[in-house]
Amino acid sequence: MNTNWTDDSWQEEFLEMKTHKTADVRLLIEGPRGLIDSWKLGELHEEYMRLKNNKNL
């Protein structure tokens, strides 16, 4: 199994799905700088998955 850790296509798509706070936009564009940013990015990814699943219904 080969995982592409630099794939940021979900971030680009998520930025277009809704309006975000400035800090969240920075995080989605620039990536995490530390542990708390990583947690927040994971939280944003979960929100993206929920929105995407609801959109596909």
PDB file of N, CA and C in Angstrom:
ATOM      1  N   MET A   1       0.843  -1.183   0.000  1.00  0.00           N
ATOM      2  CA  MET A   1       0.000   0.000   0.000  1.00  0.00           C
ATOM      3  C   MET A   1       0.877   1.232   0.000  1.00  0.00           C
ATOM      4  N   ASN A   2       0.600   2.143  -0.893  1.00  0.00           N
ATOM      5  CA  ASN A   2       1.374   3.369  -1.002  1.00  0.00           C
ATOM      6  C   ASN A   2       0.472   4.560  -0.709  1.00  0.00           C
ATOM      7  N   THR A   3       0.777   5.297   0.354  1.00  0.00           N
ATOM      8  CA  THR A   3      -0.026   6.447   0.742  1.00  0.00           C
ATOM      9  C   THR A   3       0.666   7.726   0.313  1.00  0.00           C
ATOM     10  N   ASN A   4      -0.078   8.588  -0.377  1.00  0.00           N
ATOM     11  CA  ASN A   4       0.460   9.874  -0.803  1.00  0.00           C
ATOM     12  C   ASN A   4       0.118  10.909   0.263  1.00  0.00           C
ATOM     13  N   TRP A   5       1.055  11.206   1.141  1.00  0.00           N
ATOM     14  CA  TRP A   5       0.807  12.108   2.259  1.00  0.00           C
ATOM     15  C   TRP A   5       0.731  13.568   1.817  1.00  0.00           C
ATOM     16  N   THR A   6       1.129  13.873   0.608  1.00  0.00           N
ATOM     17  CA  THR A   6       1.094  15.260   0.138  1.00  0.00           C
ATOM     18  C   THR A   6      -0.162  15.566  -0.670  1.00  0.00           C
ATOM     19  N   ASP A   7      -1.088  14.618  -0.767  1.00  0.00           N
ATOM     20  CA  ASP A   7      -2.325  14.848  -1.504  1.00  0.00           C
ATOM     21  C   ASP A   7      -3.213  15.806  -0.716  1.00  0.00           C
ATOM     22  N   ASP A   8      -3.406  17.013  -1.245  1.00  0.00           N
ATOM     23  CA  ASP A   8      -4.201  18.012  -0.541  1.00  0.00           C
ATOM     24  C   ASP A   8      -5.469  18.368  -1.316  1.00  0.00           C
ATOM     25  N   SER A   9      -5.929  17.457  -2.165  1.00  0.00           N
ATOM     26  CA  SER A   9      -7.102  17.753  -2.979  1.00  0.00           C
ATOM     27  C   SER A   9      -8.353  17.934  -2.124  1.00  0.00           C
ATOM     28  N   TRP A  10      -8.447  17.230  -0.998  1.00  0.00           N
ATOM     29  CA  TRP A  10      -9.625  17.392  -0.151  1.00  0.00           C
ATOM     30  C   TRP A  10      -9.670  18.794   0.454  1.00  0.00           C
ATOM     31  N   GLN A  11      -8.490  19.355   0.774  1.00  0.00           N
ATOM     32  CA  GLN A  11      -8.462  20.705   1.347  1.00  0.00           C
ATOM     33  C   GLN A  11      -8.981  21.724   0.330  1.00  0.00           C
ATOM     34  N   GLU A  12      -8.553  21.601  -0.902  1.00  0.00           N
ATOM     35  CA  GLU A  12      -8.990  22.525  -1.950  1.00  0.00           C
ATOM     36  C   GLU A  12     -10.495  22.429  -2.160  1.00  0.00           C
ATOM     37  N   GLU A  13     -11.009  21.219  -2.196  1.00  0.00           N
ATOM     38  CA  GLU A  13     -12.442  21.017  -2.368  1.00  0.00           C
ATOM     39  C   GLU A  13     -13.222  21.551  -1.161  1.00  0.00           C
ATOM     40  N   PHE A  14     -12.702  21.313   0.039  1.00  0.00           N
ATOM     41  CA  PHE A  14     -13.369  21.756   1.272  1.00  0.00           C
ATOM     42  C   PHE A  14     -13.409  23.277   1.367  1.00  0.00           C
ATOM     43  N   LEU A  15     -12.385  23.955   0.882  1.00  0.00           N
ATOM     44  CA  LEU A  15     -12.379  25.415   0.898  1.00  0.00           C
ATOM     45  C   LEU A  15     -13.517  25.990   0.057  1.00  0.00           C
ATOM     46  N   GLU A  16     -13.926  25.272  -0.977  1.00  0.00           N
ATOM     47  CA  GLU A  16     -14.994  25.734  -1.856  1.00  0.00           C
ATOM     48  C   GLU A  16     -16.383  25.352  -1.362  1.00  0.00           C
ATOM     49  N   MET A  17     -16.469  24.445  -0.395  1.00  0.00           N
ATOM     50  CA  MET A  17     -17.758  23.943   0.082  1.00  0.00           C
ATOM     51  C   MET A  17     -18.490  24.917   0.992  1.00  0.00           C
ATOM     52  N   LYS A  18     -17.763  25.713   1.765  1.00  0.00           N
ATOM     53  CA  LYS A  18     -18.398  26.597   2.730  1.00  0.00           C
ATOM     54  C   LYS A  18     -17.442  27.717   3.113  1.00  0.00           C
ATOM     55  N   THR A  19     -17.931  28.660   3.909  1.00  0.00           N
ATOM     56  CA  THR A  19     -17.101  29.756   4.397  1.00  0.00           C
ATOM     57  C   THR A  19     -16.352  29.282   5.640  1.00  0.00           C
ATOM     58  N   HIS A  20     -15.067  29.641   5.729  1.00  0.00           N
ATOM     59  CA  HIS A  20     -14.219  29.203   6.838  1.00  0.00           C
ATOM     60  C   HIS A  20     -13.650  30.392   7.596  1.00  0.00           C
ATOM     61  N   LYS A  21     -13.274  30.132   8.844  1.00  0.00           N
ATOM     62  CA  LYS A  21     -12.546  31.129   9.627  1.00  0.00           C
ATOM     63  C   LYS A  21     -11.167  31.320   9.002  1.00  0.00           C
ATOM     64  N   THR A  22     -10.575  32.483   9.237  1.00  0.00           N
ATOM     65  CA  THR A  22      -9.260  32.799   8.674  1.00  0.00           C
ATOM     66  C   THR A  22      -8.211  31.783   9.107  1.00  0.00           C
ATOM     67  N   ALA A  23      -8.237  31.394  10.382  1.00  0.00           N
ATOM     68  CA  ALA A  23      -7.255  30.426  10.893  1.00  0.00           C
ATOM     69  C   ALA A  23      -7.420  29.070  10.212  1.00  0.00           C
ATOM     70  N   ASP A  24      -8.661  28.675   9.934  1.00  0.00           N
ATOM     71  CA  ASP A  24      -8.901  27.396   9.265  1.00  0.00           C
ATOM     72  C   ASP A  24      -8.423  27.436   7.817  1.00  0.00           C
ATOM     73  N   VAL A  25      -8.610  28.573   7.156  1.00  0.00           N
ATOM     74  CA  VAL A  25      -8.132  28.717   5.774  1.00  0.00           C
ATOM     75  C   VAL A  25      -6.614  28.581   5.740  1.00  0.00           C
ATOM     76  N   ARG A  26      -5.922  29.257   6.674  1.00  0.00           N
ATOM     77  CA  ARG A  26      -4.465  29.155   6.740  1.00  0.00           C
ATOM     78  C   ARG A  26      -4.036  27.708   6.948  1.00  0.00           C
ATOM     79  N   LEU A  27      -4.725  27.020   7.855  1.00  0.00           N
ATOM     80  CA  LEU A  27      -4.395  25.632   8.153  1.00  0.00           C
ATOM     81  C   LEU A  27      -4.611  24.736   6.938  1.00  0.00           C
ATOM     82  N   LEU A  28      -5.699  24.945   6.229  1.00  0.00           N
ATOM     83  CA  LEU A  28      -5.985  24.133   5.046  1.00  0.00           C
ATOM     84  C   LEU A  28      -5.005  24.395   3.914  1.00  0.00           C
ATOM     85  N   ILE A  29      -4.521  25.626   3.800  1.00  0.00           N
ATOM     86  CA  ILE A  29      -3.590  25.974   2.721  1.00  0.00           C
ATOM     87  C   ILE A  29      -2.148  25.634   3.078  1.00  0.00           C
ATOM     88  N   GLU A  30      -1.719  26.032   4.278  1.00  0.00           N
ATOM     89  CA  GLU A  30      -0.313  25.892   4.669  1.00  0.00           C
ATOM     90  C   GLU A  30       0.005  24.585   5.387  1.00  0.00           C
ATOM     91  N   GLY A  31      -0.994  23.958   5.978  1.00  0.00           N
ATOM     92  CA  GLY A  31      -0.764  22.723   6.708  1.00  0.00           C
ATOM     93  C   GLY A  31      -0.483  22.985   8.181  1.00  0.00           C
ATOM     94  N   PRO A  32      -0.436  21.919   8.973  1.00  0.00           N
ATOM     95  CA  PRO A  32      -0.251  22.065  10.412  1.00  0.00           C
ATOM     96  C   PRO A  32       1.178  22.451  10.783  1.00  0.00           C
ATOM     97  N   ARG A  33       1.302  23.232  11.858  1.00  0.00           N
ATOM     98  CA  ARG A  33       2.616  23.630  12.366  1.00  0.00           C
ATOM     99  C   ARG A  33       2.971  22.899  13.665  1.00  0.00           C
ATOM    100  N   GLY A  34       1.994  22.248  14.256  1.00  0.00           N
ATOM    101  CA  GLY A  34       2.234  21.565  15.520  1.00  0.00           C
ATOM    102  C   GLY A  34       1.111  20.578  15.808  1.00  0.00           C
ATOM    103  N   LEU A  35       1.117  20.041  17.018  1.00  0.00           N
ATOM    104  CA  LEU A  35       0.169  19.010  17.405  1.00  0.00           C
ATOM    105  C   LEU A  35      -1.266  19.529  17.406  1.00  0.00           C
ATOM    106  N   ILE A  36      -1.499  20.696  17.957  1.00  0.00           N
ATOM    107  CA  ILE A  36      -2.860  21.242  18.009  1.00  0.00           C
ATOM    108  C   ILE A  36      -3.388  21.513  16.607  1.00  0.00           C
ATOM    109  N   ASP A  37      -2.534  22.024  15.727  1.00  0.00           N
ATOM    110  CA  ASP A  37      -2.937  22.227  14.331  1.00  0.00           C
ATOM    111  C   ASP A  37      -3.291  20.899  13.667  1.00  0.00           C
ATOM    112  N   SER A  38      -2.556  19.861  13.984  1.00  0.00           N
ATOM    113  CA  SER A  38      -2.832  18.534  13.420  1.00  0.00           C
ATOM    114  C   SER A  38      -4.193  18.031  13.870  1.00  0.00           C
ATOM    115  N   TRP A  39      -4.507  18.229  15.144  1.00  0.00           N
ATOM    116  CA  TRP A  39      -5.822  17.841  15.657  1.00  0.00           C
ATOM    117  C   TRP A  39      -6.923  18.604  14.944  1.00  0.00           C
ATOM    118  N   LYS A  40      -6.735  19.902  14.789  1.00  0.00           N
ATOM    119  CA  LYS A  40      -7.731  20.745  14.127  1.00  0.00           C
ATOM    120  C   LYS A  40      -7.899  20.335  12.668  1.00  0.00           C
ATOM    121  N   LEU A  41      -6.802  20.020  11.994  1.00  0.00           N
ATOM    122  CA  LEU A  41      -6.875  19.582  10.602  1.00  0.00           C
ATOM    123  C   LEU A  41      -7.651  18.272  10.500  1.00  0.00           C
ATOM    124  N   GLY A  42      -7.441  17.370  11.454  1.00  0.00           N
ATOM    125  CA  GLY A  42      -8.206  16.126  11.492  1.00  0.00           C
ATOM    126  C   GLY A  42      -9.689  16.395  11.699  1.00  0.00           C
ATOM    127  N   GLU A  43      -9.999  17.359  12.551  1.00  0.00           N
ATOM    128  CA  GLU A  43     -11.383  17.759  12.789  1.00  0.00           C
ATOM    129  C   GLU A  43     -12.005  18.336  11.515  1.00  0.00           C
ATOM    130  N   LEU A  44     -11.257  19.155  10.808  1.00  0.00           N
ATOM    131  CA  LEU A  44     -11.741  19.719   9.546  1.00  0.00           C
ATOM    132  C   LEU A  44     -11.958  18.623   8.498  1.00  0.00           C
ATOM    133  N   HIS A  45     -11.093  17.624   8.502  1.00  0.00           N
ATOM    134  CA  HIS A  45     -11.238  16.523   7.550  1.00  0.00           C
ATOM    135  C   HIS A  45     -12.517  15.734   7.841  1.00  0.00           C
ATOM    136  N   GLU A  46     -12.813  15.513   9.112  1.00  0.00           N
ATOM    137  CA  GLU A  46     -14.052  14.820   9.479  1.00  0.00           C
ATOM    138  C   GLU A  46     -15.275  15.621   9.035  1.00  0.00           C
ATOM    139  N   GLU A  47     -15.225  16.939   9.212  1.00  0.00           N
ATOM    140  CA  GLU A  47     -16.324  17.794   8.764  1.00  0.00           C
ATOM    141  C   GLU A  47     -16.470  17.717   7.251  1.00  0.00           C
ATOM    142  N   TYR A  48     -15.345  17.715   6.538  1.00  0.00           N
ATOM    143  CA  TYR A  48     -15.358  17.583   5.086  1.00  0.00           C
ATOM    144  C   TYR A  48     -16.030  16.273   4.671  1.00  0.00           C
ATOM    145  N   MET A  49     -15.681  15.177   5.348  1.00  0.00           N
ATOM    146  CA  MET A  49     -16.256  13.878   5.008  1.00  0.00           C
ATOM    147  C   MET A  49     -17.768  13.865   5.259  1.00  0.00           C
ATOM    148  N   ARG A  50     -18.217  14.479   6.366  1.00  0.00           N
ATOM    149  CA  ARG A  50     -19.651  14.552   6.649  1.00  0.00           C
ATOM    150  C   ARG A  50     -20.376  15.356   5.568  1.00  0.00           C
ATOM    151  N   LEU A  51     -19.825  16.503   5.204  1.00  0.00           N
ATOM    152  CA  LEU A  51     -20.448  17.339   4.168  1.00  0.00           C
ATOM    153  C   LEU A  51     -20.474  16.616   2.821  1.00  0.00           C
ATOM    154  N   LYS A  52     -19.393  15.941   2.494  1.00  0.00           N
ATOM    155  CA  LYS A  52     -19.298  15.254   1.222  1.00  0.00           C
ATOM    156  C   LYS A  52     -20.299  14.093   1.171  1.00  0.00           C
ATOM    157  N   ASN A  53     -20.439  13.352   2.274  1.00  0.00           N
ATOM    158  CA  ASN A  53     -21.389  12.253   2.308  1.00  0.00           C
ATOM    159  C   ASN A  53     -22.821  12.749   2.213  1.00  0.00           C
ATOM    160  N   ASN A  54     -23.129  13.868   2.873  1.00  0.00           N
ATOM    161  CA  ASN A  54     -24.475  14.436   2.781  1.00  0.00           C
ATOM    162  C   ASN A  54     -24.769  14.967   1.385  1.00  0.00           C
ATOM    163  N   LYS A  55     -23.743  15.467   0.729  1.00  0.00           N
ATOM    164  CA  LYS A  55     -23.897  16.003  -0.622  1.00  0.00           C
ATOM    165  C   LYS A  55     -24.184  14.879  -1.623  1.00  0.00           C
ATOM    166  N   ASN A  56     -23.600  13.701  -1.374  1.00  0.00           N
ATOM    167  CA  ASN A  56     -23.758  12.573  -2.289  1.00  0.00           C
ATOM    168  C   ASN A  56     -25.071  11.830  -2.099  1.00  0.00           C
ATOM    169  N   LEU A  57     -25.818  12.114  -1.043  1.00  0.00           N
ATOM    170  CA  LEU A  57     -27.088  11.408  -0.799  1.00  0.00           C
ATOM    171  C   LEU A  57     -28.169  11.793  -1.746  1.00  0.00           C
TER     172      LEU A  57
END
